């Protein structure tokens, strides 16, 4: 098994935080952690636990996949078109999902 790239994971956490309009200070308060710890996670110097990733996803209103995408891949040759569509939809932020939904509703 390959090692996780925590620099990439941290960068994705940072981008989700920025997309949510939050500062490190605001997010660290909600997480009840020191701001420097959050900074270390975002820079890849500290490794977030699964619990931390779950809390981040809940606060930032995204899926954990937003942080781990490209770090974990399940390979199944029997993946259906529905599975592929759902996987791609999970990567989108809510405004993009709403756009896709409106497009789908026109059909």
Foldseek 3Di string as FASTA:
>chain_A
DDDFQQQQLLCLLVVLCVVLVHDLVVVCVQVVHDSVVNVCSNRSNDPDDPVRLVSSCVVSVADSCSRCPVVDDDDDPPQDPVNVVVVVLSNDDPVVNVVVVVVVVVD
